[in-house]
Protein backbone atom coordinates (compact mmCIF):
# COMPACT_ATOMS: atom_id res chain seq x y z
CA MET A 1 -1.15 1.84 20.43
CA PRO A 2 1.85 3.70 18.94
CA TYR A 3 1.53 4.67 15.20
CA ILE A 4 4.65 5.48 13.34
CA SER A 5 4.72 7.00 9.92
CA LEU A 6 7.98 6.90 8.00
CA ARG A 7 8.70 8.54 4.63
CA VAL A 8 11.73 7.59 2.61
CA ALA A 9 13.04 8.72 -0.81
CA GLY A 10 13.13 5.87 -3.14
CA LYS A 11 12.46 2.13 -2.80
CA LEU A 12 13.38 -0.17 0.06
CA THR A 13 13.80 -3.91 -0.14
CA GLN A 14 11.52 -6.14 1.80
CA GLU A 15 14.49 -7.08 4.09
CA GLN A 16 15.22 -3.35 4.74
CA LYS A 17 11.54 -2.84 5.65
CA GLN A 18 11.60 -5.77 8.00
CA LYS A 19 14.70 -4.50 9.82
CA ILE A 20 13.16 -1.09 10.13
CA ALA A 21 9.93 -2.50 11.53
CA ALA A 22 11.90 -4.68 14.03
CA SER A 23 14.07 -1.76 15.06
CA PHE A 24 11.08 0.61 15.65
CA ALA A 25 9.05 -2.01 17.52
CA GLN A 26 12.09 -2.81 19.75
CA THR A 27 12.65 0.90 20.42
CA MET A 28 9.09 1.43 21.40
CA LEU A 29 9.26 -1.49 23.86
CA ASP A 30 12.65 -0.39 25.35
CA VAL A 31 11.79 3.31 25.70
CA CYS A 32 8.04 3.36 26.15
CA ASN A 33 7.30 -0.23 27.46
CA LYS A 34 4.80 -0.61 24.56
CA PRO A 35 4.41 -4.27 23.41
CA LYS A 36 5.74 -4.94 19.92
CA GLU A 37 2.39 -6.17 18.75
CA SER A 38 0.84 -2.88 19.52
CA THR A 39 3.11 -0.79 17.41
CA TYR A 40 1.97 0.06 13.92
CA LEU A 41 4.32 1.27 11.29
CA VAL A 42 3.52 2.68 7.83
CA ILE A 43 6.41 3.20 5.36
CA ASP A 44 5.67 5.54 2.63
CA GLU A 45 8.20 5.20 -0.26
CA VAL A 46 8.26 8.52 -2.21
CA GLU A 47 9.78 8.49 -5.69
CA ARG A 48 12.97 10.70 -5.74
CA GLU A 49 11.50 12.62 -8.65
CA ASN A 50 8.71 13.76 -6.29
CA TRP A 51 10.89 14.81 -3.38
CA ALA A 52 12.79 18.17 -3.24
CA LYS A 53 15.26 19.71 -0.83
CA GLY A 54 15.03 23.43 -1.43
CA ASP A 55 14.66 23.93 -5.11
CA LYS A 56 16.54 20.77 -6.09
CA PHE A 57 14.82 17.45 -6.69
CA LEU A 58 16.58 14.30 -5.45
CA ALA A 59 16.30 12.65 -8.86
């Protein structure tokens, strides 16, 4: 059972999330021969004001 955790800065649309989920599931099938229904994906949307690169926040 693959478990994938993805963090992104900012919000995604439901359509974007669906495309990401489909892409990850297909990749796990193609590369690891794991059935799509066994792949778990959690998308964590982090507000840009809470995400920094070095000493600069993304917001």
